[in-house]
């Protein structure tokens, strides 16, 4: 079969040769019979692309980002613009020909792709932990939304400023003077109401209906959603006033003989409620589900993500984790992890498969267990004895046989130079002495942190300690949850 954009594929694989198996395992496009570069990069996944960018030298990185701009950002943005309802209505009102609309989409997408590349470079230069978010479809979708608002606003303003003088009868008012007062016609409101606000209102309606129809078994889970996301649909919450999990436990009086157990109970209910809403969105409002769908790499996803987001059963999750890692989603069928008829559902729910190296010197204990397949005792031993200078030293200090070491490396275990590592402290478990020594916290902040932990999300930490975005970023560089 001929290749589409063969030069780009060859350039990408020259930089990242380990992705070759992923590309070769991809199906051909049904219409053209070719493999598309965009589909290839989408299969690799945002986190893996970002991780690879971090490891590249500056010159090589710049070339790789250009490839991402042309083959990942621009095609996605152009497609999103083409199907953007606000933009289509705006152009239809001005009787713009379809060919001209398409040309405008391409032009706008090129500029937007360049801006996203600058955002990606900024994240890479700062080496932020969650910098991969710039590559996620949801982030790109929001960027497109902002682009549409700015574009319509600028076009609208140009039309106002360049209108020719109009012939008005005596006593008639100039309609241009009333444009600003007509809030339904303001372009920002048109775009917002038909995109972001419209989607959120649909989600709110879904939740309201579920609350009204739910049995008592589901009602508590939906009330947790209502409180945490400030929907204001029950007596327990107020619109716009989001709660932490701890506050949610208190308001709903969740059961549990300790704060940690109550928060764990809240997490279980949150997962259950999100599953209920997610299932309804996928069946009743698929366009919202698709635009909000996050990519989930089956090689690195947690049990919770595999079960709740991808819809895998407990048995499928157990088999998948035991057989990691995979080079393509088809491997799940070939290795009898799932049945063939389940593959499309998993793909539709956002699953991707990209082999991901796991650095033993910095990986979490959970990743060492779930991705590399190490037992609980071995994983803890690795965490306690690291950093290691090389795999030989690692094997000797852990008393691993060649076979045991071979299993770890086959599943993606690697060792990066010790000099590049900053071992981050566990914010929920570290002693007060270790927290004080490792983190730049004020005495009052440390006291509040110890009182309110454990934390489930970084937003809870920021709210509890009243941290601005910069201070939160610095904290996340030094600590983990």
Protein backbone atom coordinates (compact mmCIF):
# COMPACT_ATOMS: atom_id res chain seq x y z
CA UNK A 1 0.00 0.00 0.00
CA UNK A 2 1.29 3.51 -0.74
CA UNK A 3 1.93 5.82 2.21
CA UNK A 4 0.32 9.20 2.76
CA UNK A 5 2.84 11.96 3.56
CA UNK A 6 5.63 9.37 3.42
CA UNK A 7 8.36 11.96 4.01
CA UNK A 8 6.74 13.09 7.27
CA UNK A 9 6.35 9.50 8.49
CA UNK A 10 9.97 8.75 7.73
CA UNK A 11 11.08 11.90 9.56
CA UNK A 12 9.01 11.02 12.62
CA UNK A 13 10.27 7.43 12.74
CA UNK A 14 13.85 8.64 12.28
CA UNK A 15 13.42 10.65 15.48
CA UNK A 16 11.37 8.03 17.35
CA UNK A 17 12.15 4.60 15.86
CA UNK A 18 10.36 2.74 18.66
CA UNK A 19 7.03 3.98 17.26
CA UNK A 20 7.52 1.99 14.05
CA UNK A 21 5.54 -1.00 15.32
CA UNK A 22 2.61 1.26 16.19
CA UNK A 23 2.60 2.72 12.68
CA UNK A 24 2.89 -0.64 10.92
CA UNK A 25 0.04 -2.08 13.01
CA UNK A 26 -2.33 0.74 12.02
CA UNK A 27 -5.23 -0.06 9.67
CA UNK A 28 -5.40 1.67 6.29
CA UNK A 29 -7.87 4.44 5.64
CA UNK A 30 -10.96 2.89 4.02
CA UNK A 31 -11.36 5.69 1.48
CA UNK A 32 -7.79 6.23 0.33
CA UNK A 33 -6.21 2.91 1.25
CA UNK A 34 -3.39 4.86 2.91
CA UNK A 35 -2.14 5.29 6.45
CA UNK A 36 -2.60 8.87 7.65
CA UNK A 37 0.07 10.62 9.67
CA UNK A 38 -2.53 12.29 11.89
CA UNK A 39 -4.11 8.94 12.82
CA UNK A 40 -0.63 7.61 13.59
CA UNK A 41 0.18 10.49 15.98
CA UNK A 42 -3.28 10.22 17.53
CA UNK A 43 -2.63 6.54 18.24
CA UNK A 44 0.66 7.40 19.97
CA UNK A 45 -1.22 9.65 22.41
CA UNK A 46 -0.62 13.09 23.89
CA UNK A 47 1.36 11.98 26.95
CA UNK A 48 3.79 9.87 24.94
CA UNK A 49 4.35 12.60 22.35
CA UNK A 50 5.04 15.11 25.11
CA UNK A 51 7.39 12.75 26.97
CA UNK A 52 9.33 12.16 23.79
CA UNK A 53 9.58 15.92 23.11
CA UNK A 54 11.07 16.41 26.58
CA UNK A 55 13.87 13.96 25.82
CA UNK A 56 14.89 15.51 22.47
CA UNK A 57 17.76 17.92 21.93
CA UNK A 58 16.73 21.50 21.10
CA UNK A 59 17.40 21.35 17.35
CA UNK A 60 15.76 17.96 16.92
CA UNK A 61 12.84 19.06 19.09
CA UNK A 62 12.15 22.10 16.87
CA UNK A 63 11.98 19.88 13.79
CA UNK A 64 9.67 17.45 15.57
CA UNK A 65 7.35 20.26 16.67
CA UNK A 66 7.08 21.44 13.05
CA UNK A 67 5.97 17.91 12.13
CA UNK A 68 3.39 18.06 14.93
CA UNK A 69 2.19 21.45 13.70
CA UNK A 70 1.64 20.23 10.14
CA UNK A 71 0.37 16.71 10.82
CA UNK A 72 -1.30 16.82 14.26
CA UNK A 73 -2.44 20.31 15.25
CA UNK A 74 -3.44 21.75 11.87
CA UNK A 75 -5.60 18.80 10.62
CA UNK A 76 -7.48 18.64 13.96
CA UNK A 77 -8.09 22.37 14.10
CA UNK A 78 -9.23 22.55 10.46
CA UNK A 79 -11.75 19.76 11.04
CA UNK A 80 -13.03 21.35 14.26
CA UNK A 81 -13.46 24.69 12.50
CA UNK A 82 -15.25 23.06 9.60
CA UNK A 83 -17.85 21.57 11.95
CA UNK A 84 -18.10 24.55 14.32
CA UNK A 85 -21.78 25.50 14.33
CA UNK A 86 -21.24 29.13 15.33
CA UNK A 87 -18.76 29.70 12.52
CA UNK A 88 -20.96 27.98 9.95
CA UNK A 89 -23.97 30.07 10.94
CA UNK A 90 -21.91 33.26 10.84
CA UNK A 91 -20.71 32.51 7.31
CA UNK A 92 -24.13 31.36 6.12
CA UNK A 93 -25.66 34.65 7.31
CA UNK A 94 -23.11 36.39 5.09
CA UNK A 95 -23.76 34.00 2.16
CA UNK A 96 -20.16 32.83 2.02
CA UNK A 97 -19.58 30.07 -0.57
CA UNK A 98 -18.63 26.64 0.79
CA UNK A 99 -15.26 26.67 -1.00
CA UNK A 100 -14.47 30.02 0.59
CA UNK A 101 -15.58 28.72 3.99
CA UNK A 102 -13.23 25.76 3.64
CA UNK A 103 -10.38 28.01 2.59
CA UNK A 104 -10.97 30.22 5.62
CA UNK A 105 -10.88 27.14 7.87
CA UNK A 106 -7.48 26.16 6.49
CA UNK A 107 -6.16 29.70 6.88
CA UNK A 108 -7.39 30.02 10.46
CA UNK A 109 -6.11 26.55 11.36
CA UNK A 110 -2.57 27.36 10.21
CA UNK A 111 -2.42 30.39 12.50
CA UNK A 112 -3.97 28.50 15.43
CA UNK A 113 -1.59 25.55 14.97
CA UNK A 114 1.37 27.93 15.17
CA UNK A 115 0.04 29.39 18.44
CA UNK A 116 -0.43 25.93 19.94
CA UNK A 117 3.16 25.08 18.99
CA UNK A 118 4.31 28.15 20.96
CA UNK A 119 2.22 26.95 23.91
CA UNK A 120 3.78 23.48 23.63
CA UNK A 121 7.30 24.94 23.53
CA UNK A 122 6.56 26.95 26.66
CA UNK A 123 5.44 23.83 28.51
CA UNK A 124 8.53 21.95 27.33
CA UNK A 125 10.90 24.75 28.35
CA UNK A 126 9.34 24.84 31.81
CA UNK A 127 9.22 21.01 31.92
CA UNK A 128 5.77 21.06 33.46
CA UNK A 129 4.38 17.72 34.53
CA UNK A 130 1.02 18.16 32.82
CA UNK A 131 2.33 19.97 29.74
CA UNK A 132 0.89 17.23 27.54
CA UNK A 133 -2.53 18.89 28.02
CA UNK A 134 -1.69 21.20 25.08
CA UNK A 135 -1.87 18.11 22.83
CA UNK A 136 -5.21 16.82 24.13
CA UNK A 137 -8.25 17.14 21.83
CA UNK A 138 -10.20 18.82 24.63
CA UNK A 139 -7.56 21.55 25.01
CA UNK A 140 -7.40 22.04 21.24
CA UNK A 141 -11.21 22.22 21.11
CA UNK A 142 -11.25 25.02 23.69
CA UNK A 143 -8.53 26.86 21.77
CA UNK A 144 -10.66 26.59 18.63
CA UNK A 145 -13.65 27.91 20.57
CA UNK A 146 -11.66 30.98 21.66
CA UNK A 147 -10.37 31.42 18.10
CA UNK A 148 -13.94 31.41 16.73
CA UNK A 149 -15.08 33.99 19.27
CA UNK A 150 -12.15 36.29 18.44
CA UNK A 151 -12.65 35.83 14.69
CA UNK A 152 -16.38 36.57 14.75
CA UNK A 153 -15.84 39.52 17.06
CA UNK A 154 -13.18 41.00 14.75
CA UNK A 155 -15.29 40.46 11.62
CA UNK A 156 -18.32 41.96 13.31
CA UNK A 157 -16.36 45.03 14.38
CA UNK A 158 -14.96 45.47 10.88
CA UNK A 159 -18.45 45.40 9.40
CA UNK A 160 -19.66 47.99 11.91
CA UNK A 161 -16.73 50.31 11.14
CA UNK A 162 -16.92 50.03 7.36
CA UNK A 163 -20.67 50.15 6.70
CA UNK A 164 -21.60 52.79 4.12
CA UNK A 165 -23.94 55.58 5.13
CA UNK A 166 -27.51 54.36 5.03
CA UNK A 167 -30.54 56.17 3.66
CA UNK A 168 -32.91 56.69 6.59
CA UNK A 169 -36.39 58.14 6.59
CA UNK A 170 -37.07 61.06 8.94
CA UNK A 171 -37.44 59.72 12.47
CA UNK A 172 -35.75 56.36 11.72
CA UNK A 173 -32.97 55.24 14.05
CA UNK A 174 -29.62 54.08 12.77
CA UNK A 175 -29.60 50.29 13.41
CA UNK A 176 -25.83 50.43 13.99
CA UNK A 177 -26.45 52.34 17.21
CA UNK A 178 -28.57 49.51 18.60
CA UNK A 179 -26.28 46.62 17.77
CA UNK A 180 -24.52 46.60 21.14
CA UNK A 181 -27.87 46.58 22.97
CA UNK A 182 -29.04 43.53 21.05
CA UNK A 183 -27.32 40.95 23.27
CA UNK A 184 -28.62 38.02 21.21
CA UNK A 185 -26.70 39.34 18.22
CA UNK A 186 -23.37 39.96 19.94
CA UNK A 187 -20.98 37.49 18.28
CA UNK A 188 -19.31 36.41 21.54
CA UNK A 189 -22.71 35.44 22.96
CA UNK A 190 -23.64 33.58 19.79
CA UNK A 191 -20.45 31.53 19.93
CA UNK A 192 -20.60 30.91 23.67
CA UNK A 193 -24.25 29.93 23.77
CA UNK A 194 -23.92 27.51 20.88
CA UNK A 195 -20.69 25.90 21.98
CA UNK A 196 -19.48 25.92 25.57
CA UNK A 197 -22.58 27.07 27.45
CA UNK A 198 -24.84 24.96 25.29
CA UNK A 199 -22.81 21.84 26.02
CA UNK A 200 -22.64 22.52 29.75
CA UNK A 201 -26.38 23.13 29.90
CA UNK A 202 -27.00 19.80 28.20
CA UNK A 203 -24.82 18.07 30.78
CA UNK A 204 -26.70 19.89 33.54
CA UNK A 205 -30.01 18.75 32.07
CA UNK A 206 -28.76 15.17 31.94
CA UNK A 207 -27.77 15.31 35.61
CA UNK A 208 -31.08 16.94 36.61
CA UNK A 209 -33.02 14.20 34.84
CA UNK A 210 -30.93 11.47 36.44
CA UNK A 211 -31.48 13.01 39.88
CA UNK A 212 -35.23 13.13 39.29
CA UNK A 213 -35.45 9.56 37.98
CA UNK A 214 -32.74 7.88 40.05
CA UNK A 215 -33.35 5.26 42.67
CA UNK A 216 -31.89 5.73 46.13
CA UNK A 217 -28.88 3.56 45.17
CA UNK A 218 -27.77 6.09 42.55
CA UNK A 219 -29.00 9.29 44.17
CA UNK A 220 -26.08 9.62 46.62
CA UNK A 221 -23.56 9.30 43.77
CA UNK A 222 -25.34 11.98 41.73
CA UNK A 223 -25.51 14.28 44.77
CA UNK A 224 -21.72 14.01 45.06
CA UNK A 225 -21.42 15.17 41.42
CA UNK A 226 -23.82 18.02 42.14
CA UNK A 227 -21.74 19.21 45.11
CA UNK A 228 -18.25 18.78 43.65
CA UNK A 229 -19.13 20.53 40.38
CA UNK A 230 -21.45 23.16 41.90
CA UNK A 231 -24.47 22.42 39.73
CA UNK A 232 -26.97 23.74 42.27
CA UNK A 233 -29.52 21.02 41.49
CA UNK A 234 -30.11 19.82 45.05
CA UNK A 235 -30.48 21.46 48.45
CA UNK A 236 -26.88 20.48 49.26
CA UNK A 237 -25.15 22.68 46.68
CA UNK A 238 -25.10 26.20 45.31
CA UNK A 239 -24.43 27.02 41.68
CA UNK A 240 -20.84 28.15 41.15
CA UNK A 241 -19.61 27.16 44.65
CA UNK A 242 -17.53 24.03 44.12
CA UNK A 243 -16.70 21.85 47.12
CA UNK A 244 -13.65 19.82 48.04
CA UNK A 245 -14.15 16.13 48.77
CA UNK A 246 -13.80 16.84 52.47
CA UNK A 247 -16.54 19.48 52.34
CA UNK A 248 -18.70 17.15 50.27
CA UNK A 249 -18.34 14.42 52.92
CA UNK A 250 -19.49 16.83 55.62
CA UNK A 251 -22.45 18.25 53.69
CA UNK A 252 -23.75 14.84 52.59
CA UNK A 253 -22.78 13.15 55.88
CA UNK A 254 -21.07 10.28 54.05
CA UNK A 255 -20.40 7.13 56.07
CA UNK A 256 -16.91 6.18 57.27
CA UNK A 257 -15.11 5.82 60.58
CA UNK A 258 -12.26 8.19 59.63
CA UNK A 259 -11.71 11.20 57.32
CA UNK A 260 -9.66 9.06 54.93
CA UNK A 261 -12.39 6.43 54.66
CA UNK A 262 -15.06 9.08 54.08
CA UNK A 263 -12.99 10.63 51.29
CA UNK A 264 -12.46 7.14 49.80
CA UNK A 265 -16.23 6.65 49.94
CA UNK A 266 -16.69 10.01 48.21
CA UNK A 267 -14.28 8.93 45.44
CA UNK A 268 -16.24 5.71 44.88
CA UNK A 269 -19.48 7.67 44.62
CA UNK A 270 -17.84 10.20 42.29
CA UNK A 271 -16.74 7.41 39.95
CA UNK A 272 -20.20 5.86 40.04
CA UNK A 273 -21.91 9.17 39.30
CA UNK A 274 -19.54 10.03 36.45
CA UNK A 275 -20.16 6.59 34.93
CA UNK A 276 -23.91 7.17 34.97
CA UNK A 277 -23.54 10.55 33.28
CA UNK A 278 -20.89 9.32 30.83
CA UNK A 279 -23.11 6.46 29.66
CA UNK A 280 -26.04 8.81 29.04
CA UNK A 281 -23.85 11.34 27.19
CA UNK A 282 -22.41 8.65 24.92
CA UNK A 283 -25.87 7.43 23.92
CA UNK A 284 -27.89 10.67 23.90
CA UNK A 285 -25.31 13.40 23.12
CA UNK A 286 -22.43 11.71 21.28
CA UNK A 287 -21.04 15.00 19.91
CA UNK A 288 -20.36 16.28 23.43
CA UNK A 289 -18.87 12.95 24.48
CA UNK A 290 -16.52 13.00 21.50
CA UNK A 291 -15.37 16.60 22.01
CA UNK A 292 -14.69 15.99 25.71
CA UNK A 293 -13.22 12.50 25.24
CA UNK A 294 -9.68 12.21 26.59
CA UNK A 295 -7.14 9.81 25.14
CA UNK A 296 -6.23 6.97 27.49
CA UNK A 297 -3.13 4.88 26.89
CA UNK A 298 -3.93 1.32 27.96
CA UNK A 299 -0.26 0.74 28.81
CA UNK A 300 -0.16 3.42 31.51
CA UNK A 301 -3.79 3.92 32.55
CA UNK A 302 -4.82 3.19 36.12
CA UNK A 303 -7.35 0.52 37.01
CA UNK A 304 -9.87 3.30 37.60
CA UNK A 305 -9.34 4.77 34.11
CA UNK A 306 -9.51 1.36 32.44
CA UNK A 307 -12.68 0.44 34.27
CA UNK A 308 -14.56 3.73 34.50
CA UNK A 309 -13.43 5.60 31.39
CA UNK A 310 -12.88 2.80 28.88
CA UNK A 311 -15.62 0.53 30.23
CA UNK A 312 -13.45 -2.57 30.70
CA UNK A 313 -14.74 -5.23 33.09
CA UNK A 314 -12.75 -6.21 36.19
CA UNK A 315 -11.67 -9.43 34.48
CA UNK A 316 -10.52 -7.56 31.37
CA UNK A 317 -8.60 -5.07 33.51
CA UNK A 318 -6.83 -7.90 35.39
CA UNK A 319 -5.82 -9.63 32.14
CA UNK A 320 -4.72 -6.35 30.53
CA UNK A 321 -2.48 -5.28 33.41
CA UNK A 322 -0.93 -8.74 33.66
CA UNK A 323 0.03 -8.70 29.96
CA UNK A 324 1.31 -5.13 29.57
CA UNK A 325 2.70 -3.53 27.44
CA UNK A 326 0.95 -3.57 24.05
CA UNK A 327 2.01 -2.12 20.70
CA UNK A 328 -1.52 -1.78 19.30
CA UNK A 329 -5.13 -2.16 20.42
CA UNK A 330 -5.43 -5.20 18.17
CA UNK A 331 -3.04 -6.95 20.59
CA UNK A 332 -5.88 -6.97 23.13
CA UNK A 333 -7.87 -9.24 20.83
CA UNK A 334 -4.91 -11.34 19.68
CA UNK A 335 -3.86 -12.02 23.27
CA UNK A 336 -7.46 -12.75 24.32
CA UNK A 337 -7.66 -9.81 26.72
CA UNK A 338 -11.00 -8.78 25.21
CA UNK A 339 -13.32 -10.25 22.59
CA UNK A 340 -13.09 -8.93 19.04
CA UNK A 341 -16.55 -7.36 19.16
CA UNK A 342 -15.49 -5.24 22.15
CA UNK A 343 -12.57 -3.57 20.37
CA UNK A 344 -14.59 -0.84 18.63
CA UNK A 345 -16.27 0.16 21.91
CA UNK A 346 -12.88 0.51 23.60
CA UNK A 347 -11.62 2.65 20.71
CA UNK A 348 -14.74 4.85 20.78
CA UNK A 349 -14.20 5.43 24.49
CA UNK A 350 -10.76 6.93 23.81
CA UNK A 351 -8.35 3.99 24.13
CA UNK A 352 -4.90 4.20 22.53
CA UNK A 353 -1.88 1.90 22.76
CA UNK A 354 1.64 3.32 22.80
CA UNK A 355 4.61 1.54 24.35
CA UNK A 356 5.88 3.75 27.16
CA UNK A 357 9.32 3.48 28.82
CA UNK A 358 9.11 3.50 32.63
CA UNK A 359 12.09 5.01 34.45
CA UNK A 360 12.74 2.93 37.58
CA UNK A 361 14.49 5.85 39.26
CA UNK A 362 11.45 8.15 39.14
CA UNK A 363 8.30 6.05 38.54
CA UNK A 364 5.67 5.79 41.26
CA UNK A 365 5.31 2.53 43.16
CA UNK A 366 1.90 2.03 41.55
CA UNK A 367 3.36 2.39 38.03
CA UNK A 368 6.14 -0.07 38.87
CA UNK A 369 3.47 -2.56 39.91
CA UNK A 370 0.81 -1.91 37.28
CA UNK A 371 2.97 -1.20 34.22
CA UNK A 372 6.14 -3.23 34.87
CA UNK A 373 4.33 -6.08 36.63
CA UNK A 374 6.46 -6.02 39.79
CA UNK A 375 4.98 -7.43 43.00
CA UNK A 376 4.13 -5.16 45.93
CA UNK A 377 7.27 -6.07 47.92
CA UNK A 378 9.62 -5.64 44.94
CA UNK A 379 8.04 -2.31 44.00
CA UNK A 380 8.49 -0.99 47.52
CA UNK A 381 12.08 -2.24 47.58
CA UNK A 382 12.81 -0.40 44.31
CA UNK A 383 11.42 2.84 45.76
CA UNK A 384 13.40 2.42 48.99
CA UNK A 385 16.77 1.62 47.36
CA UNK A 386 16.79 3.93 44.35
CA UNK A 387 18.31 5.78 42.61
CA UNK A 388 20.35 3.18 40.69
CA UNK A 389 23.23 4.03 38.36
CA UNK A 390 22.41 1.30 35.81
CA UNK A 391 20.33 -1.84 35.33
CA UNK A 392 23.20 -4.08 36.46
CA UNK A 393 23.41 -2.30 39.81
CA UNK A 394 19.62 -2.42 40.05
CA UNK A 395 19.64 -6.19 39.50
CA UNK A 396 22.42 -6.77 42.04
CA UNK A 397 20.91 -4.62 44.80
CA UNK A 398 17.45 -6.13 44.32
CA UNK A 399 18.79 -9.71 43.93
CA UNK A 400 16.97 -10.16 40.62
CA UNK A 401 17.61 -13.13 38.37
CA UNK A 402 18.33 -12.43 34.67
CA UNK A 403 14.84 -13.70 33.90
CA UNK A 404 13.17 -11.36 36.39
CA UNK A 405 15.15 -8.39 35.09
CA UNK A 406 14.26 -9.43 31.53
CA UNK A 407 10.54 -9.30 32.35
CA UNK A 408 10.90 -5.76 33.73
CA UNK A 409 12.83 -4.50 30.70
CA UNK A 410 10.48 -6.24 28.27
CA UNK A 411 7.59 -4.38 29.86
CA UNK A 412 9.38 -1.04 29.47
CA UNK A 413 11.78 -0.63 32.42
CA UNK A 414 14.60 1.85 31.74
CA UNK A 415 17.07 3.85 33.82
CA UNK A 416 17.81 7.50 33.14
CA UNK A 417 21.01 9.14 34.46
CA UNK A 418 20.74 9.94 38.16
CA UNK A 419 21.79 13.55 37.54
CA UNK A 420 18.52 14.37 35.77
CA UNK A 421 16.33 13.21 38.64
CA UNK A 422 14.51 15.17 41.26
CA UNK A 423 12.88 12.67 43.61
CA UNK A 424 9.52 14.19 44.51
CA UNK A 425 8.01 13.89 47.98
CA UNK A 426 4.57 12.36 48.67
CA UNK A 427 2.40 15.23 49.90
CA UNK A 428 -0.13 12.91 51.56
CA UNK A 429 2.31 10.60 53.37
CA UNK A 430 5.55 12.45 54.10
CA UNK A 431 6.38 13.37 57.69
CA UNK A 432 6.17 17.03 58.77
CA UNK A 433 9.97 17.14 58.97
CA UNK A 434 10.41 15.93 55.38
CA UNK A 435 7.74 18.30 54.10
CA UNK A 436 9.37 21.24 55.83
CA UNK A 437 12.81 20.35 54.46
CA UNK A 438 11.68 19.67 50.88
CA UNK A 439 9.00 22.29 50.28
CA UNK A 440 9.02 26.07 50.49
CA UNK A 441 5.94 26.31 52.71
CA UNK A 442 5.07 28.84 55.35
CA UNK A 443 4.40 27.58 58.88
CA UNK A 444 0.65 28.22 58.54
CA UNK A 445 0.53 26.49 55.13
CA UNK A 446 2.29 23.43 56.53
CA UNK A 447 -0.18 23.31 59.44
CA UNK A 448 -3.19 23.52 57.10
CA UNK A 449 -1.69 20.89 54.78
CA UNK A 450 -1.25 18.42 57.64
CA UNK A 451 -4.78 19.05 58.92
CA UNK A 452 -6.57 18.66 55.59
CA UNK A 453 -4.67 15.84 53.91
CA UNK A 454 -5.12 13.40 52.27
CA UNK A 455 -5.80 15.28 49.04
CA UNK A 456 -7.20 13.65 45.93
CA UNK A 457 -6.65 16.47 43.44
CA UNK A 458 -4.20 19.36 43.09
CA UNK A 459 -7.11 21.79 42.94
CA UNK A 460 -7.92 20.81 46.54
CA UNK A 461 -4.34 21.62 47.56
CA UNK A 462 -4.44 25.01 45.83
CA UNK A 463 -7.74 25.90 47.47
CA UNK A 464 -6.68 24.72 50.95
CA UNK A 465 -3.38 26.66 50.87
CA UNK A 466 -4.67 29.61 48.78
CA UNK A 467 -1.92 29.09 46.19
CA UNK A 468 -1.74 31.04 42.95
CA UNK A 469 -0.96 29.27 39.69
CA UNK A 470 2.82 29.85 39.87
CA UNK A 471 3.19 28.60 43.44
CA UNK A 472 1.06 25.55 42.68
CA UNK A 473 3.27 24.76 39.68
CA UNK A 474 6.41 24.99 41.85
CA UNK A 475 4.83 22.69 44.44
CA UNK A 476 3.90 20.11 41.79
CA UNK A 477 7.52 20.02 40.62
CA UNK A 478 8.62 18.92 44.09
CA UNK A 479 5.71 16.77 45.28
CA UNK A 480 3.24 14.11 44.20
CA UNK A 481 -0.20 13.06 45.46
